[in-house]
Structures are given as structure tokens and as C-alpha cells.
Amino acid sequence: MIVTGFHASRTHKLTPGQKDANRVLAVGRAPVEHGFAHLKNWRTFTKLRTDPARATRLLRALLVLTNLEVNR
């Protein structure tokens, strides 16, 4: 299931509830997008040919190392 935000147009303005829903989606999406941006800078996954389970473990290990590096 893909959850997308509400779209406004010139003739259809968003209600306060729809704006709040868009804000909640953005708050949840931002850390994920930042994480992918860091991984793209490393170019680690450009030629990754492995089982998805191994890729998940590798991704988790890299994120732990990134957090350790940032918190120093």
C-alpha cells in the first residue's frame, strides 16, 4: 500500500486536516530520504548483487556506522 499526500490546485484548497496529514507524512519521510541520500554518496549499492536479506543487514550496519560517525 502506498500512502501519498493530498494535492491542492488553484480551485481546490486543502483543508486543515489534509494539511496536517501531509505534514505527518513529510515528518516520517524526511529521515528515510536523508538516509538514502547518504547512501547514494557512498555509492555502496550501485553494484550490489546479493540476496535482499544480506543487503538489509549491510544497510543496517552502515546506518549504525553513520550514526556513530555523526554523534562524535
N, C-alpha and C. Protein backbone atom coordinates (compact mmCIF):
# COMPACT_ATOMS: atom_id res chain seq x y z
N MET A 1 0.84 -1.17 0.00
CA MET A 1 0.00 0.00 0.00
C MET A 1 0.89 1.24 0.00
N ILE A 2 0.62 2.14 -0.89
CA ILE A 2 1.38 3.38 -1.00
C ILE A 2 0.53 4.51 -0.45
N VAL A 3 1.10 5.27 0.46
CA VAL A 3 0.39 6.41 1.05
C VAL A 3 0.96 7.68 0.44
N THR A 4 0.11 8.45 -0.18
CA THR A 4 0.55 9.71 -0.77
C THR A 4 -0.19 10.86 -0.10
N GLY A 5 0.35 12.04 -0.22
CA GLY A 5 -0.26 13.21 0.37
C GLY A 5 -1.40 13.75 -0.48
N PHE A 6 -2.04 14.76 0.04
CA PHE A 6 -3.12 15.42 -0.67
C PHE A 6 -2.52 16.52 -1.55
N HIS A 7 -3.12 16.72 -2.71
CA HIS A 7 -2.64 17.74 -3.64
C HIS A 7 -3.66 18.87 -3.74
N ALA A 8 -3.17 20.08 -3.74
CA ALA A 8 -4.04 21.24 -3.89
C ALA A 8 -3.91 21.77 -5.32
N SER A 9 -4.89 22.49 -5.74
CA SER A 9 -4.83 23.17 -7.03
C SER A 9 -5.32 24.61 -6.84
N ARG A 10 -5.39 25.32 -7.93
CA ARG A 10 -5.87 26.70 -7.81
C ARG A 10 -7.32 26.75 -7.38
N THR A 11 -8.09 25.78 -7.80
CA THR A 11 -9.52 25.78 -7.48
C THR A 11 -9.86 24.95 -6.24
N HIS A 12 -8.96 24.09 -5.82
CA HIS A 12 -9.22 23.20 -4.68
C HIS A 12 -8.15 23.42 -3.61
N LYS A 13 -8.49 24.12 -2.57
CA LYS A 13 -7.56 24.36 -1.47
C LYS A 13 -7.64 23.20 -0.48
N LEU A 14 -6.56 22.97 0.25
CA LEU A 14 -6.53 21.90 1.23
C LEU A 14 -7.21 22.33 2.53
N THR A 15 -7.87 21.38 3.14
CA THR A 15 -8.47 21.65 4.45
C THR A 15 -7.37 21.55 5.51
N PRO A 16 -7.60 22.10 6.71
CA PRO A 16 -6.59 21.97 7.77
C PRO A 16 -6.24 20.51 8.09
N GLY A 17 -7.20 19.60 8.01
CA GLY A 17 -6.93 18.19 8.25
C GLY A 17 -6.03 17.59 7.19
N GLN A 18 -6.24 17.98 5.95
CA GLN A 18 -5.39 17.48 4.87
C GLN A 18 -3.98 18.04 5.00
N LYS A 19 -3.87 19.29 5.43
CA LYS A 19 -2.53 19.88 5.65
C LYS A 19 -1.81 19.14 6.76
N ASP A 20 -2.53 18.82 7.83
CA ASP A 20 -1.92 18.06 8.94
C ASP A 20 -1.48 16.68 8.47
N ALA A 21 -2.30 16.02 7.66
CA ALA A 21 -1.93 14.70 7.14
C ALA A 21 -0.67 14.79 6.28
N ASN A 22 -0.56 15.81 5.45
CA ASN A 22 0.64 16.00 4.63
C ASN A 22 1.86 16.24 5.50
N ARG A 23 1.68 16.98 6.58
CA ARG A 23 2.79 17.27 7.49
C ARG A 23 3.28 16.00 8.18
N VAL A 24 2.35 15.15 8.60
CA VAL A 24 2.72 13.89 9.25
C VAL A 24 3.48 12.99 8.28
N LEU A 25 3.02 12.93 7.03
CA LEU A 25 3.73 12.14 6.03
C LEU A 25 5.14 12.68 5.80
N ALA A 26 5.29 13.99 5.74
CA ALA A 26 6.60 14.59 5.50
C ALA A 26 7.56 14.32 6.66
N VAL A 27 7.06 14.36 7.89
CA VAL A 27 7.90 14.10 9.06
C VAL A 27 8.42 12.67 9.03
N GLY A 28 7.59 11.73 8.60
CA GLY A 28 8.03 10.34 8.53
C GLY A 28 8.93 10.06 7.35
N ARG A 29 8.76 10.80 6.28
CA ARG A 29 9.52 10.56 5.06
C ARG A 29 10.90 11.20 5.09
N ALA A 30 11.08 12.29 5.77
CA ALA A 30 12.34 13.04 5.74
C ALA A 30 13.55 12.22 6.19
N PRO A 31 13.51 11.52 7.34
CA PRO A 31 14.70 10.76 7.74
C PRO A 31 15.07 9.66 6.75
N VAL A 32 14.07 9.05 6.13
CA VAL A 32 14.34 8.00 5.14
C VAL A 32 15.04 8.60 3.93
N GLU A 33 14.54 9.73 3.46
CA GLU A 33 15.16 10.37 2.30
C GLU A 33 16.58 10.81 2.60
N HIS A 34 16.83 11.32 3.80
CA HIS A 34 18.19 11.70 4.18
C HIS A 34 19.11 10.48 4.22
N GLY A 35 18.59 9.37 4.74
CA GLY A 35 19.39 8.14 4.79
C GLY A 35 19.77 7.67 3.40
N PHE A 36 18.82 7.68 2.47
CA PHE A 36 19.13 7.28 1.10
C PHE A 36 20.11 8.24 0.45
N ALA A 37 20.01 9.51 0.74
CA ALA A 37 20.96 10.47 0.17
C ALA A 37 22.38 10.17 0.64
N HIS A 38 22.54 9.84 1.92
CA HIS A 38 23.87 9.48 2.42
C HIS A 38 24.39 8.23 1.73
N LEU A 39 23.53 7.24 1.56
CA LEU A 39 23.96 6.00 0.92
C LEU A 39 24.33 6.22 -0.54
N LYS A 40 23.62 7.11 -1.22
CA LYS A 40 23.98 7.40 -2.61
C LYS A 40 25.34 8.06 -2.70
N ASN A 41 25.69 8.86 -1.71
CA ASN A 41 27.01 9.47 -1.70
C ASN A 41 28.11 8.43 -1.56
N TRP A 42 27.83 7.36 -0.84
CA TRP A 42 28.82 6.30 -0.66
C TRP A 42 28.96 5.43 -1.89
N ARG A 43 27.95 5.40 -2.74
CA ARG A 43 27.92 4.56 -3.94
C ARG A 43 28.13 3.08 -3.61
N THR A 44 27.69 2.70 -2.44
CA THR A 44 27.85 1.32 -1.99
C THR A 44 26.95 0.37 -2.77
N PHE A 45 25.76 0.79 -3.05
CA PHE A 45 24.76 -0.11 -3.61
C PHE A 45 24.65 -0.03 -5.13
N THR A 46 25.57 0.65 -5.79
CA THR A 46 25.45 0.77 -7.24
C THR A 46 25.68 -0.57 -7.93
N LYS A 47 26.55 -1.41 -7.37
CA LYS A 47 26.83 -2.70 -7.99
C LYS A 47 26.58 -3.85 -7.04
N LEU A 48 25.65 -3.67 -6.13
CA LEU A 48 25.34 -4.70 -5.14
C LEU A 48 24.52 -5.81 -5.80
N ARG A 49 25.09 -7.00 -5.83
CA ARG A 49 24.39 -8.15 -6.39
C ARG A 49 24.37 -9.24 -5.32
N THR A 50 23.36 -9.20 -4.47
CA THR A 50 23.28 -10.15 -3.38
C THR A 50 21.83 -10.38 -3.00
N ASP A 51 21.64 -11.26 -2.07
CA ASP A 51 20.33 -11.57 -1.53
C ASP A 51 19.77 -10.34 -0.80
N PRO A 52 18.49 -10.00 -0.96
CA PRO A 52 17.94 -8.83 -0.26
C PRO A 52 18.11 -8.87 1.25
N ALA A 53 18.10 -10.06 1.85
CA ALA A 53 18.31 -10.15 3.30
C ALA A 53 19.71 -9.69 3.67
N ARG A 54 20.69 -10.07 2.87
CA ARG A 54 22.07 -9.60 3.12
C ARG A 54 22.19 -8.10 2.92
N ALA A 55 21.50 -7.59 1.91
CA ALA A 55 21.54 -6.15 1.65
C ALA A 55 20.93 -5.40 2.82
N THR A 56 19.87 -5.94 3.41
CA THR A 56 19.24 -5.30 4.56
C THR A 56 20.20 -5.26 5.74
N ARG A 57 20.89 -6.37 5.99
CA ARG A 57 21.86 -6.39 7.09
C ARG A 57 23.00 -5.43 6.84
N LEU A 58 23.47 -5.36 5.60
CA LEU A 58 24.53 -4.42 5.25
C LEU A 58 24.07 -2.98 5.44
N LEU A 59 22.86 -2.68 5.01
CA LEU A 59 22.30 -1.34 5.17
C LEU A 59 22.21 -0.95 6.64
N ARG A 60 21.73 -1.87 7.47
CA ARG A 60 21.62 -1.58 8.90
C ARG A 60 22.99 -1.32 9.52
N ALA A 61 23.98 -2.12 9.15
CA ALA A 61 25.33 -1.92 9.68
C ALA A 61 25.89 -0.56 9.25
N LEU A 62 25.65 -0.19 7.99
CA LEU A 62 26.14 1.10 7.51
C LEU A 62 25.45 2.27 8.21
N LEU A 63 24.17 2.12 8.49
CA LEU A 63 23.47 3.19 9.20
C LEU A 63 23.96 3.32 10.63
N VAL A 64 24.30 2.20 11.28
CA VAL A 64 24.87 2.26 12.62
C VAL A 64 26.20 3.00 12.58
N LEU A 65 27.04 2.66 11.61
CA LEU A 65 28.33 3.35 11.49
C LEU A 65 28.15 4.83 11.20
N THR A 66 27.17 5.16 10.38
CA THR A 66 26.90 6.57 10.08
C THR A 66 26.47 7.31 11.34
N ASN A 67 25.60 6.70 12.14
CA ASN A 67 25.15 7.35 13.37
C ASN A 67 26.29 7.52 14.35
N LEU A 68 27.18 6.54 14.43
CA LEU A 68 28.34 6.67 15.32
C LEU A 68 29.24 7.82 14.86
N GLU A 69 29.41 7.94 13.53
CA GLU A 69 30.26 8.99 12.99
C GLU A 69 29.65 10.37 13.21
N VAL A 70 28.34 10.49 13.06
CA VAL A 70 27.67 11.78 13.22
C VAL A 70 27.66 12.21 14.68
N ASN A 71 27.52 11.25 15.59
CA ASN A 71 27.42 11.59 17.02
C ASN A 71 28.75 11.90 17.67
N ARG A 72 29.83 11.76 16.96
CA ARG A 72 31.15 12.06 17.54
C ARG A 72 31.40 13.52 17.67
